[in-house]
């Protein structure tokens, strides 16, 4: 792990960094665009939890935002579908 990665992990742990896992994020191209999410543990007491994706990606001077919630029961199929059709690698 590089020094930069260690610093990022430390910032993330104390809530100073934004990432897809931290629940907050911001656009790198525009200071006016931010996003956030809040995760709440369900009351069903089972291991199947929903999956959240919230990220920005810069491609050819354009910024794309992807925000999705996948149902845990369909998670494997949803991930496959995400990789096939929504993945940034296809653009």
PDB file of N, CA and C in Angstrom:
ATOM      1  N   UNK A   1       0.851  -1.176   0.000  1.00  0.00           N
ATOM      2  CA  UNK A   1       0.000   0.000   0.000  1.00  0.00           C
ATOM      3  C   UNK A   1       0.897   1.239   0.000  1.00  0.00           C
ATOM      4  N   UNK A   2       0.597   2.175  -0.901  1.00  0.00           N
ATOM      5  CA  UNK A   2       1.405   3.387  -1.005  1.00  0.00           C
ATOM      6  C   UNK A   2       1.022   4.382   0.088  1.00  0.00           C
ATOM      7  N   UNK A   3       1.861   5.374   0.269  1.00  0.00           N
ATOM      8  CA  UNK A   3       1.590   6.413   1.257  1.00  0.00           C
ATOM      9  C   UNK A   3       0.290   7.144   0.975  1.00  0.00           C
ATOM     10  N   UNK A   4       0.019   7.394  -0.297  1.00  0.00           N
ATOM     11  CA  UNK A   4      -1.220   8.080  -0.683  1.00  0.00           C
ATOM     12  C   UNK A   4      -2.449   7.241  -0.317  1.00  0.00           C
ATOM     13  N   UNK A   5      -2.359   5.928  -0.555  1.00  0.00           N
ATOM     14  CA  UNK A   5      -3.474   5.033  -0.211  1.00  0.00           C
ATOM     15  C   UNK A   5      -3.692   4.978   1.298  1.00  0.00           C
ATOM     16  N   UNK A   6      -2.611   4.961   2.054  1.00  0.00           N
ATOM     17  CA  UNK A   6      -2.714   4.947   3.518  1.00  0.00           C
ATOM     18  C   UNK A   6      -3.374   6.232   4.009  1.00  0.00           C
ATOM     19  N   UNK A   7      -2.951   7.375   3.465  1.00  0.00           N
ATOM     20  CA  UNK A   7      -3.543   8.659   3.847  1.00  0.00           C
ATOM     21  C   UNK A   7      -5.033   8.689   3.514  1.00  0.00           C
ATOM     22  N   UNK A   8      -5.389   8.187   2.333  1.00  0.00           N
ATOM     23  CA  UNK A   8      -6.795   8.148   1.936  1.00  0.00           C
ATOM     24  C   UNK A   8      -7.611   7.299   2.907  1.00  0.00           C
ATOM     25  N   UNK A   9      -7.095   6.134   3.284  1.00  0.00           N
ATOM     26  CA  UNK A   9      -7.789   5.253   4.234  1.00  0.00           C
ATOM     27  C   UNK A   9      -7.960   5.940   5.587  1.00  0.00           C
ATOM     28  N   UNK A  10      -6.920   6.644   6.039  1.00  0.00           N
ATOM     29  CA  UNK A  10      -7.003   7.345   7.323  1.00  0.00           C
ATOM     30  C   UNK A  10      -8.072   8.439   7.266  1.00  0.00           C
ATOM     31  N   UNK A  11      -8.086   9.223   6.190  1.00  0.00           N
ATOM     32  CA  UNK A  11      -9.084  10.283   6.034  1.00  0.00           C
ATOM     33  C   UNK A  11     -10.490   9.694   5.989  1.00  0.00           C
ATOM     34  N   UNK A  12     -10.629   8.569   5.293  1.00  0.00           N
ATOM     35  CA  UNK A  12     -11.930   7.925   5.179  1.00  0.00           C
ATOM     36  C   UNK A  12     -12.430   7.455   6.542  1.00  0.00           C
ATOM     37  N   UNK A  13     -11.548   6.907   7.358  1.00  0.00           N
ATOM     38  CA  UNK A  13     -11.933   6.391   8.678  1.00  0.00           C
ATOM     39  C   UNK A  13     -12.427   7.492   9.612  1.00  0.00           C
ATOM     40  N   UNK A  14     -11.852   8.677   9.510  1.00  0.00           N
ATOM     41  CA  UNK A  14     -12.264   9.772  10.395  1.00  0.00           C
ATOM     42  C   UNK A  14     -13.297  10.694   9.743  1.00  0.00           C
ATOM     43  N   UNK A  15     -13.754  10.328   8.539  1.00  0.00           N
ATOM     44  CA  UNK A  15     -14.825  11.085   7.905  1.00  0.00           C
ATOM     45  C   UNK A  15     -14.391  12.321   7.153  1.00  0.00           C
ATOM     46  N   UNK A  16     -13.125  12.427   6.785  1.00  0.00           N
ATOM     47  CA  UNK A  16     -12.645  13.606   6.063  1.00  0.00           C
ATOM     48  C   UNK A  16     -12.553  13.388   4.563  1.00  0.00           C
ATOM     49  N   UNK A  17     -12.800  12.187   4.118  1.00  0.00           N
ATOM     50  CA  UNK A  17     -12.634  11.865   2.712  1.00  0.00           C
ATOM     51  C   UNK A  17     -13.957  11.415   2.117  1.00  0.00           C
ATOM     52  N   UNK A  18     -14.117  11.603   0.829  1.00  0.00           N
ATOM     53  CA  UNK A  18     -15.298  11.090   0.157  1.00  0.00           C
ATOM     54  C   UNK A  18     -14.896   9.888  -0.679  1.00  0.00           C
ATOM     55  N   UNK A  19     -15.763   8.903  -0.710  1.00  0.00           N
ATOM     56  CA  UNK A  19     -15.546   7.723  -1.538  1.00  0.00           C
ATOM     57  C   UNK A  19     -16.878   7.034  -1.740  1.00  0.00           C
ATOM     58  N   UNK A  20     -16.888   6.034  -2.591  1.00  0.00           N
ATOM     59  CA  UNK A  20     -18.117   5.287  -2.826  1.00  0.00           C
ATOM     60  C   UNK A  20     -18.585   4.575  -1.570  1.00  0.00           C
ATOM     61  N   UNK A  21     -17.689   4.292  -0.643  1.00  0.00           N
ATOM     62  CA  UNK A  21     -18.043   3.578   0.583  1.00  0.00           C
ATOM     63  C   UNK A  21     -18.347   4.495   1.758  1.00  0.00           C
ATOM     64  N   UNK A  22     -17.952   5.747   1.689  1.00  0.00           N
ATOM     65  CA  UNK A  22     -18.072   6.630   2.850  1.00  0.00           C
ATOM     66  C   UNK A  22     -19.459   7.236   3.027  1.00  0.00           C
ATOM     67  N   UNK A  23     -20.284   7.205   1.982  1.00  0.00           N
ATOM     68  CA  UNK A  23     -21.608   7.802   2.084  1.00  0.00           C
ATOM     69  C   UNK A  23     -21.653   9.243   1.643  1.00  0.00           C
ATOM     70  N   UNK A  24     -20.543   9.757   1.171  1.00  0.00           N
ATOM     71  CA  UNK A  24     -20.529  11.131   0.677  1.00  0.00           C
ATOM     72  C   UNK A  24     -19.558  11.222  -0.486  1.00  0.00           C
ATOM     73  N   UNK A  25     -19.782  12.176  -1.337  1.00  0.00           N
ATOM     74  CA  UNK A  25     -18.893  12.337  -2.475  1.00  0.00           C
ATOM     75  C   UNK A  25     -19.114  13.673  -3.134  1.00  0.00           C
ATOM     76  N   UNK A  26     -18.208  14.018  -4.016  1.00  0.00           N
ATOM     77  CA  UNK A  26     -18.354  15.277  -4.739  1.00  0.00           C
ATOM     78  C   UNK A  26     -17.720  15.147  -6.108  1.00  0.00           C
ATOM     79  N   UNK A  27     -18.218  15.967  -6.988  1.00  0.00           N
ATOM     80  CA  UNK A  27     -17.711  16.020  -8.346  1.00  0.00           C
ATOM     81  C   UNK A  27     -16.292  16.574  -8.333  1.00  0.00           C
ATOM     82  N   UNK A  28     -15.453  16.051  -9.189  1.00  0.00           N
ATOM     83  CA  UNK A  28     -14.096  16.586  -9.311  1.00  0.00           C
ATOM     84  C   UNK A  28     -14.053  17.755 -10.294  1.00  0.00           C
ATOM     85  N   UNK A  29     -15.062  17.850 -11.160  1.00  0.00           N
ATOM     86  CA  UNK A  29     -15.081  18.895 -12.172  1.00  0.00           C
ATOM     87  C   UNK A  29     -15.894  20.117 -11.752  1.00  0.00           C
ATOM     88  N   UNK A  30     -16.874  19.938 -10.881  1.00  0.00           N
ATOM     89  CA  UNK A  30     -17.732  21.046 -10.461  1.00  0.00           C
ATOM     90  C   UNK A  30     -17.867  21.052  -8.947  1.00  0.00           C
ATOM     91  N   UNK A  31     -17.613  22.179  -8.348  1.00  0.00           N
ATOM     92  CA  UNK A  31     -17.729  22.305  -6.889  1.00  0.00           C
ATOM     93  C   UNK A  31     -19.190  22.305  -6.438  1.00  0.00           C
ATOM     94  N   UNK A  32     -20.124  22.503  -7.386  1.00  0.00           N
ATOM     95  CA  UNK A  32     -21.540  22.611  -7.036  1.00  0.00           C
ATOM     96  C   UNK A  32     -22.274  21.275  -6.987  1.00  0.00           C
ATOM     97  N   UNK A  33     -21.628  20.199  -7.389  1.00  0.00           N
ATOM     98  CA  UNK A  33     -22.296  18.899  -7.428  1.00  0.00           C
ATOM     99  C   UNK A  33     -21.743  18.007  -6.327  1.00  0.00           C
ATOM    100  N   UNK A  34     -22.617  17.583  -5.442  1.00  0.00           N
ATOM    101  CA  UNK A  34     -22.240  16.644  -4.385  1.00  0.00           C
ATOM    102  C   UNK A  34     -23.314  15.567  -4.297  1.00  0.00           C
ATOM    103  N   UNK A  35     -22.992  14.491  -3.621  1.00  0.00           N
ATOM    104  CA  UNK A  35     -23.984  13.446  -3.398  1.00  0.00           C
ATOM    105  C   UNK A  35     -23.739  12.822  -2.041  1.00  0.00           C
ATOM    106  N   UNK A  36     -24.716  12.109  -1.581  1.00  0.00           N
ATOM    107  CA  UNK A  36     -24.569  11.415  -0.307  1.00  0.00           C
ATOM    108  C   UNK A  36     -25.583  10.300  -0.187  1.00  0.00           C
ATOM    109  N   UNK A  37     -25.322   9.394   0.712  1.00  0.00           N
ATOM    110  CA  UNK A  37     -26.289   8.352   1.020  1.00  0.00           C
ATOM    111  C   UNK A  37     -26.103   7.936   2.461  1.00  0.00           C
ATOM    112  N   UNK A  38     -27.126   7.339   2.997  1.00  0.00           N
ATOM    113  CA  UNK A  38     -27.098   6.902   4.389  1.00  0.00           C
ATOM    114  C   UNK A  38     -27.573   5.456   4.426  1.00  0.00           C
ATOM    115  N   UNK A  39     -26.780   4.585   5.014  1.00  0.00           N
ATOM    116  CA  UNK A  39     -27.137   3.174   5.096  1.00  0.00           C
ATOM    117  C   UNK A  39     -27.737   2.864   6.455  1.00  0.00           C
ATOM    118  N   UNK A  40     -28.831   2.128   6.441  1.00  0.00           N
ATOM    119  CA  UNK A  40     -29.507   1.728   7.672  1.00  0.00           C
ATOM    120  C   UNK A  40     -29.656   0.217   7.656  1.00  0.00           C
ATOM    121  N   UNK A  41     -29.249  -0.433   8.740  1.00  0.00           N
ATOM    122  CA  UNK A  41     -29.375  -1.887   8.817  1.00  0.00           C
ATOM    123  C   UNK A  41     -30.847  -2.262   8.873  1.00  0.00           C
ATOM    124  N   UNK A  42     -31.221  -3.245   8.056  1.00  0.00           N
ATOM    125  CA  UNK A  42     -32.607  -3.698   8.016  1.00  0.00           C
ATOM    126  C   UNK A  42     -33.005  -4.467   9.268  1.00  0.00           C
ATOM    127  N   UNK A  43     -34.303  -4.629   9.427  1.00  0.00           N
ATOM    128  CA  UNK A  43     -34.828  -5.317  10.605  1.00  0.00           C
ATOM    129  C   UNK A  43     -35.096  -6.795  10.350  1.00  0.00           C
ATOM    130  N   UNK A  44     -34.783  -7.277   9.156  1.00  0.00           N
ATOM    131  CA  UNK A  44     -35.123  -8.653   8.809  1.00  0.00           C
ATOM    132  C   UNK A  44     -34.143  -9.680   9.378  1.00  0.00           C
ATOM    133  N   UNK A  45     -33.029  -9.242   9.914  1.00  0.00           N
ATOM    134  CA  UNK A  45     -32.039 -10.124  10.545  1.00  0.00           C
ATOM    135  C   UNK A  45     -31.534 -11.223   9.607  1.00  0.00           C
ATOM    136  N   UNK A  46     -31.268 -10.882   8.387  1.00  0.00           N
ATOM    137  CA  UNK A  46     -30.640 -11.846   7.487  1.00  0.00           C
ATOM    138  C   UNK A  46     -29.408 -11.210   6.866  1.00  0.00           C
ATOM    139  N   UNK A  47     -28.561 -12.058   6.283  1.00  0.00           N
ATOM    140  CA  UNK A  47     -27.282 -11.588   5.755  1.00  0.00           C
ATOM    141  C   UNK A  47     -27.410 -10.862   4.419  1.00  0.00           C
ATOM    142  N   UNK A  48     -28.522 -11.001   3.750  1.00  0.00           N
ATOM    143  CA  UNK A  48     -28.668 -10.391   2.434  1.00  0.00           C
ATOM    144  C   UNK A  48     -28.969  -8.904   2.587  1.00  0.00           C
ATOM    145  N   UNK A  49     -28.055  -8.088   2.171  1.00  0.00           N
ATOM    146  CA  UNK A  49     -28.229  -6.636   2.235  1.00  0.00           C
ATOM    147  C   UNK A  49     -28.165  -6.068   0.822  1.00  0.00           C
ATOM    148  N   UNK A  50     -28.793  -4.945   0.614  1.00  0.00           N
ATOM    149  CA  UNK A  50     -28.744  -4.291  -0.688  1.00  0.00           C
ATOM    150  C   UNK A  50     -27.363  -3.688  -0.907  1.00  0.00           C
ATOM    151  N   UNK A  51     -27.058  -3.382  -2.150  1.00  0.00           N
ATOM    152  CA  UNK A  51     -25.748  -2.893  -2.548  1.00  0.00           C
ATOM    153  C   UNK A  51     -25.920  -1.514  -3.178  1.00  0.00           C
ATOM    154  N   UNK A  52     -25.117  -0.547  -2.747  1.00  0.00           N
ATOM    155  CA  UNK A  52     -25.214   0.832  -3.224  1.00  0.00           C
ATOM    156  C   UNK A  52     -23.975   1.186  -4.035  1.00  0.00           C
ATOM    157  N   UNK A  53     -24.174   1.839  -5.177  1.00  0.00           N
ATOM    158  CA  UNK A  53     -23.072   2.383  -5.972  1.00  0.00           C
ATOM    159  C   UNK A  53     -23.322   3.877  -6.121  1.00  0.00           C
ATOM    160  N   UNK A  54     -22.351   4.686  -5.776  1.00  0.00           N
ATOM    161  CA  UNK A  54     -22.433   6.132  -5.957  1.00  0.00           C
ATOM    162  C   UNK A  54     -21.041   6.614  -6.317  1.00  0.00           C
ATOM    163  N   UNK A  55     -20.854   6.997  -7.574  1.00  0.00           N
ATOM    164  CA  UNK A  55     -19.516   7.410  -7.993  1.00  0.00           C
ATOM    165  C   UNK A  55     -19.570   8.371  -9.170  1.00  0.00           C
ATOM    166  N   UNK A  56     -18.531   9.156  -9.302  1.00  0.00           N
ATOM    167  CA  UNK A  56     -18.323  10.030 -10.444  1.00  0.00           C
ATOM    168  C   UNK A  56     -17.107   9.518 -11.200  1.00  0.00           C
ATOM    169  N   UNK A  57     -17.144   9.642 -12.523  1.00  0.00           N
ATOM    170  CA  UNK A  57     -16.005   9.232 -13.343  1.00  0.00           C
ATOM    171  C   UNK A  57     -15.848  10.244 -14.468  1.00  0.00           C
ATOM    172  N   UNK A  58     -14.627  10.673 -14.716  1.00  0.00           N
ATOM    173  CA  UNK A  58     -14.353  11.636 -15.778  1.00  0.00           C
ATOM    174  C   UNK A  58     -13.902  10.887 -17.022  1.00  0.00           C
ATOM    175  N   UNK A  59     -14.599  11.144 -18.140  1.00  0.00           N
ATOM    176  CA  UNK A  59     -14.276  10.494 -19.405  1.00  0.00           C
ATOM    177  C   UNK A  59     -14.315  11.549 -20.503  1.00  0.00           C
ATOM    178  N   UNK A  60     -13.191  11.762 -21.173  1.00  0.00           N
ATOM    179  CA  UNK A  60     -13.104  12.703 -22.296  1.00  0.00           C
ATOM    180  C   UNK A  60     -13.706  14.069 -21.973  1.00  0.00           C
ATOM    181  N   UNK A  61     -13.241  14.689 -20.918  1.00  0.00           N
ATOM    182  CA  UNK A  61     -13.697  16.015 -20.501  1.00  0.00           C
ATOM    183  C   UNK A  61     -15.178  16.074 -20.113  1.00  0.00           C
ATOM    184  N   UNK A  62     -15.789  14.933 -19.899  1.00  0.00           N
ATOM    185  CA  UNK A  62     -17.166  14.862 -19.408  1.00  0.00           C
ATOM    186  C   UNK A  62     -17.157  14.094 -18.101  1.00  0.00           C
ATOM    187  N   UNK A  63     -18.044  14.460 -17.218  1.00  0.00           N
ATOM    188  CA  UNK A  63     -18.138  13.742 -15.959  1.00  0.00           C
ATOM    189  C   UNK A  63     -19.458  12.984 -15.909  1.00  0.00           C
ATOM    190  N   UNK A  64     -19.366  11.698 -15.627  1.00  0.00           N
ATOM    191  CA  UNK A  64     -20.546  10.851 -15.517  1.00  0.00           C
ATOM    192  C   UNK A  64     -20.770  10.504 -14.060  1.00  0.00           C
ATOM    193  N   UNK A  65     -22.013  10.517 -13.640  1.00  0.00           N
ATOM    194  CA  UNK A  65     -22.358  10.100 -12.284  1.00  0.00           C
ATOM    195  C   UNK A  65     -23.205   8.846 -12.350  1.00  0.00           C
ATOM    196  N   UNK A  66     -22.838   7.849 -11.580  1.00  0.00           N
ATOM    197  CA  UNK A  66     -23.608   6.613 -11.523  1.00  0.00           C
ATOM    198  C   UNK A  66     -24.118   6.441 -10.108  1.00  0.00           C
ATOM    199  N   UNK A  67     -25.419   6.314  -9.981  1.00  0.00           N
ATOM    200  CA  UNK A  67     -26.048   6.129  -8.681  1.00  0.00           C
ATOM    201  C   UNK A  67     -27.028   4.977  -8.824  1.00  0.00           C
ATOM    202  N   UNK A  68     -26.816   3.903  -8.081  1.00  0.00           N
ATOM    203  CA  UNK A  68     -27.664   2.720  -8.215  1.00  0.00           C
ATOM    204  C   UNK A  68     -27.803   2.004  -6.883  1.00  0.00           C
ATOM    205  N   UNK A  69     -28.942   1.351  -6.724  1.00  0.00           N
ATOM    206  CA  UNK A  69     -29.175   0.476  -5.579  1.00  0.00           C
ATOM    207  C   UNK A  69     -29.592  -0.868  -6.148  1.00  0.00           C
ATOM    208  N   UNK A  70     -28.859  -1.921  -5.781  1.00  0.00           N
ATOM    209  CA  UNK A  70     -29.174  -3.261  -6.246  1.00  0.00           C
ATOM    210  C   UNK A  70     -29.830  -4.047  -5.125  1.00  0.00           C
ATOM    211  N   UNK A  71     -30.886  -4.768  -5.455  1.00  0.00           N
ATOM    212  CA  UNK A  71     -31.562  -5.633  -4.495  1.00  0.00           C
ATOM    213  C   UNK A  71     -30.661  -6.821  -4.190  1.00  0.00           C
ATOM    214  N   UNK A  72     -30.542  -7.173  -2.931  1.00  0.00           N
ATOM    215  CA  UNK A  72     -29.641  -8.246  -2.512  1.00  0.00           C
ATOM    216  C   UNK A  72     -30.012  -9.582  -3.136  1.00  0.00           C
ATOM    217  N   UNK A  73     -31.294  -9.841  -3.326  1.00  0.00           N
ATOM    218  CA  UNK A  73     -31.714 -11.121  -3.901  1.00  0.00           C
ATOM    219  C   UNK A  73     -31.263 -11.256  -5.344  1.00  0.00           C
ATOM    220  N   UNK A  74     -31.101 -10.140  -6.014  1.00  0.00           N
ATOM    221  CA  UNK A  74     -30.706 -10.146  -7.419  1.00  0.00           C
ATOM    222  C   UNK A  74     -29.274  -9.665  -7.614  1.00  0.00           C
ATOM    223  N   UNK A  75     -28.508  -9.609  -6.541  1.00  0.00           N
ATOM    224  CA  UNK A  75     -27.194  -8.969  -6.585  1.00  0.00           C
ATOM    225  C   UNK A  75     -26.269  -9.564  -7.631  1.00  0.00           C
ATOM    226  N   UNK A  76     -26.181 -10.882  -7.720  1.00  0.00           N
ATOM    227  CA  UNK A  76     -25.281 -11.480  -8.707  1.00  0.00           C
ATOM    228  C   UNK A  76     -25.679 -11.094 -10.125  1.00  0.00           C
ATOM    229  N   UNK A  77     -26.968 -11.185 -10.426  1.00  0.00           N
ATOM    230  CA  UNK A  77     -27.434 -10.802 -11.757  1.00  0.00           C
ATOM    231  C   UNK A  77     -27.270  -9.307 -11.982  1.00  0.00           C
ATOM    232  N   UNK A  78     -27.524  -8.509 -10.955  1.00  0.00           N
ATOM    233  CA  UNK A  78     -27.391  -7.054 -11.089  1.00  0.00           C
ATOM    234  C   UNK A  78     -25.949  -6.667 -11.360  1.00  0.00           C
ATOM    235  N   UNK A  79     -25.013  -7.305 -10.670  1.00  0.00           N
ATOM    236  CA  UNK A  79     -23.599  -7.008 -10.918  1.00  0.00           C
ATOM    237  C   UNK A  79     -23.206  -7.369 -12.338  1.00  0.00           C
ATOM    238  N   UNK A  80     -23.662  -8.534 -12.801  1.00  0.00           N
ATOM    239  CA  UNK A  80     -23.364  -8.939 -14.179  1.00  0.00           C
ATOM    240  C   UNK A  80     -23.914  -7.911 -15.158  1.00  0.00           C
ATOM    241  N   UNK A  81     -25.149  -7.523 -14.946  1.00  0.00           N
ATOM    242  CA  UNK A  81     -25.796  -6.556 -15.834  1.00  0.00           C
ATOM    243  C   UNK A  81     -25.072  -5.214 -15.804  1.00  0.00           C
ATOM    244  N   UNK A  82     -24.674  -4.793 -14.619  1.00  0.00           N
ATOM    245  CA  UNK A  82     -23.908  -3.551 -14.463  1.00  0.00           C
ATOM    246  C   UNK A  82     -22.629  -3.615 -15.282  1.00  0.00           C
ATOM    247  N   UNK A  83     -21.915  -4.727 -15.161  1.00  0.00           N
ATOM    248  CA  UNK A  83     -20.656  -4.866 -15.885  1.00  0.00           C
ATOM    249  C   UNK A  83     -20.882  -4.924 -17.389  1.00  0.00           C
ATOM    250  N   UNK A  84     -21.985  -5.532 -17.814  1.00  0.00           N
ATOM    251  CA  UNK A  84     -22.267  -5.662 -19.248  1.00  0.00           C
ATOM    252  C   UNK A  84     -22.723  -4.354 -19.887  1.00  0.00           C
ATOM    253  N   UNK A  85     -23.625  -3.634 -19.238  1.00  0.00           N
ATOM    254  CA  UNK A  85     -24.263  -2.519 -19.931  1.00  0.00           C
ATOM    255  C   UNK A  85     -24.021  -1.134 -19.356  1.00  0.00           C
ATOM    256  N   UNK A  86     -23.769  -1.011 -18.061  1.00  0.00           N
ATOM    257  CA  UNK A  86     -23.621   0.310 -17.460  1.00  0.00           C
ATOM    258  C   UNK A  86     -22.164   0.645 -17.198  1.00  0.00           C
ATOM    259  N   UNK A  87     -21.318  -0.324 -17.271  1.00  0.00           N
ATOM    260  CA  UNK A  87     -19.911  -0.137 -16.933  1.00  0.00           C
ATOM    261  C   UNK A  87     -19.294   1.005 -17.727  1.00  0.00           C
ATOM    262  N   UNK A  88     -18.525   1.824 -17.054  1.00  0.00           N
ATOM    263  CA  UNK A  88     -17.850   2.947 -17.708  1.00  0.00           C
ATOM    264  C   UNK A  88     -16.849   2.483 -18.753  1.00  0.00           C
ATOM    265  N   UNK A  89     -16.389   1.267 -18.654  1.00  0.00           N
ATOM    266  CA  UNK A  89     -15.406   0.772 -19.615  1.00  0.00           C
ATOM    267  C   UNK A  89     -15.981   0.693 -21.026  1.00  0.00           C
ATOM    268  N   UNK A  90     -17.285   0.704 -21.157  1.00  0.00           N
ATOM    269  CA  UNK A  90     -17.910   0.595 -22.477  1.00  0.00           C
ATOM    270  C   UNK A  90     -18.027   1.945 -23.162  1.00  0.00           C
ATOM    271  N   UNK A  91     -17.856   3.026 -22.448  1.00  0.00           N
ATOM    272  CA  UNK A  91     -18.024   4.360 -23.029  1.00  0.00           C
ATOM    273  C   UNK A  91     -16.740   4.862 -23.603  1.00  0.00           C
TER     274      UNK A  91
END
